[in-house]
């Protein structure tokens, strides 16, 4: 099973309310979240951006509709 398939399964499980799967998705995306937040110099703002990105990921997962 490739990484995209694993992520797809995690998204389906997280959408159904599986908190462990949601946490795994966030952990998998953490390097990207960190990379995007580091574009801002202020550490306090970086943390806020990270939190907002995580909240958006959660919203996107909850709205996800598999084909």
Protein backbone atom coordinates (compact mmCIF):
# COMPACT_ATOMS: atom_id res chain seq x y z
CA UNK A 1 0.00 0.00 0.00
CA UNK A 2 1.47 3.36 -0.99
CA UNK A 3 1.58 6.48 1.19
CA UNK A 4 -1.33 8.18 -0.64
CA UNK A 5 -3.55 5.14 -0.07
CA UNK A 6 -2.64 5.13 3.62
CA UNK A 7 -3.43 8.83 3.88
CA UNK A 8 -6.76 8.24 2.13
CA UNK A 9 -7.70 5.56 4.65
CA UNK A 10 -6.72 7.86 7.52
CA UNK A 11 -8.88 10.64 6.07
CA UNK A 12 -11.92 8.36 5.81
CA UNK A 13 -11.41 7.13 9.38
CA UNK A 14 -10.84 10.65 10.71
CA UNK A 15 -13.94 11.92 8.93
CA UNK A 16 -15.95 9.25 10.73
CA UNK A 17 -14.68 10.55 14.08
CA UNK A 18 -11.51 8.54 14.68
CA UNK A 19 -9.35 10.95 16.69
CA UNK A 20 -6.23 8.77 16.39
CA UNK A 21 -6.46 8.93 12.59
CA UNK A 22 -6.91 12.71 12.72
CA UNK A 23 -3.82 13.01 14.90
CA UNK A 24 -1.83 10.81 12.49
CA UNK A 25 -2.86 13.04 9.57
CA UNK A 26 -1.73 16.14 11.45
CA UNK A 27 1.57 14.49 12.41
CA UNK A 28 2.15 13.46 8.80
CA UNK A 29 1.57 17.04 7.64
CA UNK A 30 3.54 18.62 10.51
CA UNK A 31 6.73 19.21 8.43
CA UNK A 32 4.70 21.13 5.84
CA UNK A 33 2.88 23.07 8.56
CA UNK A 34 6.22 24.03 10.14
CA UNK A 35 7.71 24.98 6.78
CA UNK A 36 4.81 27.28 5.95
CA UNK A 37 4.77 28.93 9.38
CA UNK A 38 8.52 29.66 9.26
CA UNK A 39 7.90 32.16 6.47
CA UNK A 40 7.08 34.59 9.28
CA UNK A 41 9.87 35.82 11.59
CA UNK A 42 7.80 36.31 14.76
CA UNK A 43 7.72 33.04 16.76
CA UNK A 44 4.38 33.92 18.35
CA UNK A 45 2.86 34.47 14.95
CA UNK A 46 4.44 31.22 13.72
CA UNK A 47 2.65 29.30 16.47
CA UNK A 48 -0.62 31.00 15.62
CA UNK A 49 -0.20 30.13 11.94
CA UNK A 50 0.55 26.51 12.83
CA UNK A 51 -2.63 26.31 14.93
CA UNK A 52 -4.71 27.89 12.18
CA UNK A 53 -3.32 25.48 9.59
CA UNK A 54 -4.15 22.52 11.83
CA UNK A 55 -7.69 23.84 12.28
CA UNK A 56 -8.07 24.17 8.50
CA UNK A 57 -6.80 20.62 7.97
CA UNK A 58 -9.40 19.35 10.43
CA UNK A 59 -12.16 21.28 8.62
CA UNK A 60 -11.03 19.94 5.25
CA UNK A 61 -10.96 16.35 6.52
CA UNK A 62 -14.45 16.69 7.98
CA UNK A 63 -15.78 18.06 4.65
CA UNK A 64 -13.97 15.46 2.53
CA UNK A 65 -16.20 13.43 0.22
CA UNK A 66 -14.49 10.40 -1.36
CA UNK A 67 -15.19 9.69 -5.02
